[in-house]
Amino acid sequence: MHFISVLNTKGGTGKTTLATCLAVRAARDARVAAVDLDPQASFTDWHGRRGAPDNPGLLLGLDRASDAVAALQRTGAYDFVFFDGPPGSILVTEDTVRASNLVVIPLRASGLDLAASQDCISLCQETGTPFLLVLNAKGQHDGRLVEAARTLLSSWKLPVAKTTIASRSQYVNAITTGRTGPEKDKKAEAEIDALWAEVNAATLRAAKRRARA
């Protein structure tokens, strides 16, 4: 069982939208569940609007990622469990980082986002938890800004996903009806397919390293 978190202590980076997209994509090939750790409960609301499916399922009554891992790791009920983390809470974020096999950190290509994402990046580095930065919500005219951010992050030896997620109205519109952007838009589908391939590969690499340790 692999535990993947979508985290950033900065709000407004698109964590929940990305978590729903990845969970739905992963559920095409595997048994998937999610844990909503955000007090705003946006993932929970989305899951209800979707009709509360079993795959991806939603695990209720869990306030900490470590509790979910302890409760699930012996059951083998799922192949992947996604944690949708809250903004701002260092304590919850740290617990989730420690409980995860991989941390996906969405951020926008701005100086503010790069600086504000440092807390989550530092937690991953301090705990030795593998992580992947995802440049999210790329605007129509943000090409140079995104490439500059990618170059800067790479110069800091930080792992950055090759896939960039564009700012598309379908991502926002779909989540209000219990769907995901890729289910409504072919370009969004291609983006999330590519990103999931990267996330899945990174998760499997982390599992192999853990097995060798």
Protein backbone atom coordinates (compact mmCIF):
# COMPACT_ATOMS: atom_id res chain seq x y z
CA MET A 1 0.00 0.00 0.00
CA HIS A 2 1.37 3.38 -1.02
CA PHE A 3 0.56 6.61 0.83
CA ILE A 4 0.73 9.76 -1.31
CA SER A 5 0.05 13.20 0.11
CA VAL A 6 -0.76 16.43 -1.71
CA LEU A 7 0.59 19.13 0.57
CA ASN A 8 1.62 22.75 0.81
CA THR A 9 1.36 24.95 3.87
CA LYS A 10 0.49 27.82 1.52
CA GLY A 11 -3.18 28.07 0.58
CA GLY A 12 -4.47 28.55 -2.93
CA THR A 13 -2.04 26.25 -4.69
CA GLY A 14 -4.72 23.86 -5.97
CA LYS A 15 -4.08 20.96 -3.58
CA THR A 16 -7.62 19.58 -3.45
CA THR A 17 -8.24 19.94 -7.17
CA LEU A 18 -5.01 18.10 -7.92
CA ALA A 19 -5.74 15.45 -5.28
CA THR A 20 -9.15 14.69 -6.79
CA CYS A 21 -7.67 14.43 -10.27
CA LEU A 22 -4.87 12.09 -9.19
CA ALA A 23 -7.20 9.93 -7.10
CA VAL A 24 -9.67 9.48 -9.95
CA ARG A 25 -6.86 8.76 -12.43
CA ALA A 26 -5.23 6.22 -10.11
CA ALA A 27 -8.61 4.54 -9.56
CA ARG A 28 -8.70 3.60 -13.25
CA ASP A 29 -5.92 1.09 -12.57
CA ALA A 30 -5.98 0.38 -8.83
CA ARG A 31 -7.91 0.40 -5.56
CA VAL A 32 -7.78 3.93 -4.20
CA ALA A 33 -8.92 5.75 -1.07
CA ALA A 34 -8.43 9.28 0.24
CA VAL A 35 -8.23 10.94 3.64
CA ASP A 36 -9.34 14.57 3.91
CA LEU A 37 -7.14 16.31 6.50
CA ASP A 38 -8.31 19.84 5.67
CA PRO A 39 -10.87 21.34 8.13
CA GLN A 40 -12.55 22.98 5.14
CA ALA A 41 -13.39 19.42 3.97
CA SER A 42 -13.39 20.35 0.28
CA PHE A 43 -12.37 16.83 -0.78
CA THR A 44 -15.17 15.38 1.37
CA ASP A 45 -17.71 17.73 -0.23
CA TRP A 46 -16.48 16.80 -3.71
CA HIS A 47 -16.68 13.09 -2.92
CA GLY A 48 -20.28 13.49 -1.76
CA ARG A 49 -21.22 15.36 -4.92
CA ARG A 50 -19.62 12.53 -6.89
CA GLY A 51 -22.01 10.08 -5.23
CA ALA A 52 -19.63 8.73 -2.55
CA PRO A 53 -18.07 6.03 -4.74
CA ASP A 54 -16.00 3.17 -3.39
CA ASN A 55 -13.16 3.82 -5.82
CA PRO A 56 -11.82 6.31 -5.06
CA GLY A 57 -13.24 5.84 -1.60
CA LEU A 58 -13.14 8.30 1.28
CA LEU A 59 -11.96 7.23 4.72
CA LEU A 60 -13.79 9.09 7.49
CA GLY A 61 -13.04 9.68 11.15
CA LEU A 62 -9.27 10.07 10.69
CA ASP A 63 -7.70 13.37 11.77
CA ARG A 64 -4.05 12.41 11.33
CA ALA A 65 -2.26 10.69 8.49
CA SER A 66 -0.29 8.56 10.92
CA ASP A 67 -3.57 7.19 12.33
CA ALA A 68 -4.67 6.24 8.82
CA VAL A 69 -1.41 4.44 8.12
CA ALA A 70 -1.64 2.53 11.40
CA ALA A 71 -5.24 1.55 10.68
CA LEU A 72 -4.68 0.53 7.07
CA GLN A 73 -1.23 -0.90 6.58
CA ARG A 74 -2.21 -4.39 7.74
CA THR A 75 -5.44 -4.60 5.76
CA GLY A 76 -4.17 -4.38 2.20
CA ALA A 77 -7.55 -2.96 1.24
CA TYR A 78 -6.11 -0.33 -1.10
CA ASP A 79 -3.22 0.07 -3.49
CA PHE A 80 -2.96 3.85 -3.05
CA VAL A 81 -4.16 6.18 -0.30
CA PHE A 82 -4.11 9.93 -0.94
CA PHE A 83 -3.90 12.52 1.83
CA ASP A 84 -5.37 15.95 1.03
CA GLY A 85 -3.60 18.24 3.48
CA PRO A 86 -4.61 21.59 4.98
CA PRO A 87 -2.89 24.94 4.45
CA GLY A 88 -1.10 26.57 7.33
CA SER A 89 -0.89 23.74 9.86
CA ILE A 90 2.74 22.75 10.36
CA LEU A 91 1.83 20.03 12.89
CA VAL A 92 -0.60 18.27 10.55
CA THR A 93 1.74 18.76 7.61
CA GLU A 94 4.71 17.28 9.46
CA ASP A 95 2.70 14.25 10.58
CA THR A 96 1.48 13.74 7.01
CA VAL A 97 4.96 14.07 5.55
CA ARG A 98 6.27 11.44 7.95
CA ALA A 99 3.38 9.10 7.14
CA SER A 100 3.75 9.42 3.36
CA ASN A 101 5.75 7.43 0.85
CA LEU A 102 5.67 10.41 -1.52
CA VAL A 103 4.68 14.05 -1.09
CA VAL A 104 3.31 15.96 -4.08
CA ILE A 105 3.77 19.71 -3.58
CA PRO A 106 1.75 21.87 -6.00
CA LEU A 107 2.87 25.47 -6.36
CA ARG A 108 2.45 28.35 -8.75
CA ALA A 109 5.31 29.91 -10.65
CA SER A 110 5.64 33.01 -8.49
CA GLY A 111 8.21 34.25 -6.02
CA LEU A 112 5.60 34.23 -3.27
CA ASP A 113 4.70 30.59 -3.87
CA LEU A 114 8.32 29.50 -4.10
CA ALA A 115 9.11 31.14 -0.78
CA ALA A 116 5.92 30.01 0.97
CA SER A 117 6.41 26.40 -0.16
CA GLN A 118 9.77 26.18 1.59
CA ASP A 119 8.26 24.94 4.87
CA CYS A 120 6.84 21.84 3.24
CA ILE A 121 9.98 21.26 1.18
CA SER A 122 12.14 21.56 4.30
CA LEU A 123 9.98 19.05 6.19
CA CYS A 124 10.42 16.54 3.38
CA GLN A 125 14.18 17.10 3.33
CA GLU A 126 14.49 16.84 7.12
CA THR A 127 12.48 13.60 7.30
CA GLY A 128 13.97 12.07 4.17
CA THR A 129 10.54 11.71 2.58
CA PRO A 130 10.62 11.70 -1.25
CA PHE A 131 8.74 14.59 -2.81
CA LEU A 132 7.82 16.00 -6.20
CA LEU A 133 7.13 19.66 -6.96
CA VAL A 134 4.37 20.31 -9.49
CA LEU A 135 4.08 23.66 -11.22
CA ASN A 136 0.33 24.25 -11.18
CA ALA A 137 -2.20 26.66 -12.70
CA LYS A 138 0.01 27.87 -15.53
CA GLY A 139 -1.64 30.85 -17.20
CA GLN A 140 -1.85 31.41 -20.93
CA HIS A 141 1.05 33.88 -20.89
CA ASP A 142 3.10 32.29 -18.10
CA GLY A 143 5.43 30.21 -20.29
CA ARG A 144 8.61 32.14 -19.51
CA LEU A 145 7.70 32.47 -15.84
CA VAL A 146 7.14 28.72 -15.53
CA GLU A 147 10.41 27.88 -17.25
CA ALA A 148 12.27 30.36 -15.06
CA ALA A 149 10.74 28.77 -11.95
CA ARG A 150 11.61 25.28 -13.23
CA THR A 151 15.20 26.33 -13.90
CA LEU A 152 15.52 27.91 -10.46
CA LEU A 153 14.09 24.88 -8.64
CA SER A 154 16.30 22.53 -10.62
CA SER A 155 19.35 24.64 -9.76
CA TRP A 156 18.48 24.03 -6.11
CA LYS A 157 18.52 20.27 -6.83
CA LEU A 158 14.81 19.97 -6.10
CA PRO A 159 12.73 17.33 -7.92
CA VAL A 160 10.28 19.02 -10.31
CA ALA A 161 7.67 17.16 -12.35
CA LYS A 162 8.16 17.41 -16.10
CA THR A 163 4.40 17.86 -16.42
CA THR A 164 3.03 21.36 -15.89
CA ILE A 165 -0.67 21.71 -15.06
CA ALA A 166 -2.38 24.55 -16.91
CA SER A 167 -5.00 26.91 -15.51
CA ARG A 168 -8.19 25.59 -17.09
CA SER A 169 -11.77 26.49 -16.24
CA GLN A 170 -12.68 22.80 -16.55
CA TYR A 171 -10.69 21.97 -13.41
CA VAL A 172 -12.71 24.47 -11.39
CA ASN A 173 -16.08 23.78 -12.97
CA ALA A 174 -15.78 20.01 -12.72
CA ILE A 175 -14.98 19.90 -9.03
CA THR A 176 -18.23 21.71 -8.19
CA THR A 177 -20.19 18.84 -9.72
CA GLY A 178 -18.20 15.96 -8.29
CA ARG A 179 -16.16 15.39 -11.41
CA THR A 180 -12.59 16.24 -12.41
CA GLY A 181 -11.13 18.38 -15.16
CA PRO A 182 -9.79 15.38 -17.12
CA GLU A 183 -13.31 13.93 -17.26
CA LYS A 184 -14.47 17.04 -19.12
CA ASP A 185 -11.45 18.15 -21.15
CA LYS A 186 -9.01 16.13 -23.28
CA LYS A 187 -6.09 18.49 -22.67
CA ALA A 188 -6.60 18.24 -18.94
CA GLU A 189 -6.83 14.47 -19.30
CA ALA A 190 -3.48 14.35 -21.06
CA GLU A 191 -1.88 16.52 -18.35
CA ILE A 192 -3.13 14.38 -15.48
CA ASP A 193 -2.26 11.14 -17.30
CA ALA A 194 1.30 12.40 -17.68
CA LEU A 195 1.52 13.66 -14.12
CA TRP A 196 0.12 10.42 -12.69
CA ALA A 197 2.76 8.48 -14.63
CA GLU A 198 5.43 10.59 -12.94
CA VAL A 199 3.86 10.34 -9.49
CA ASN A 200 3.35 6.59 -9.80
CA ALA A 201 6.93 6.07 -10.95
CA ALA A 202 8.29 8.19 -8.10
CA THR A 203 6.17 6.27 -5.60
CA LEU A 204 7.45 2.92 -6.85
CA ARG A 205 11.05 4.16 -6.73
CA ALA A 206 10.51 5.26 -3.14
CA ALA A 207 9.07 1.83 -2.29
CA LYS A 208 12.12 0.08 -3.76
CA ARG A 209 14.51 2.30 -1.80
CA ARG A 210 12.54 1.64 1.37
CA ALA A 211 12.65 -2.11 0.75
CA ARG A 212 16.44 -1.99 0.34
CA ALA A 213 16.97 0.09 3.48
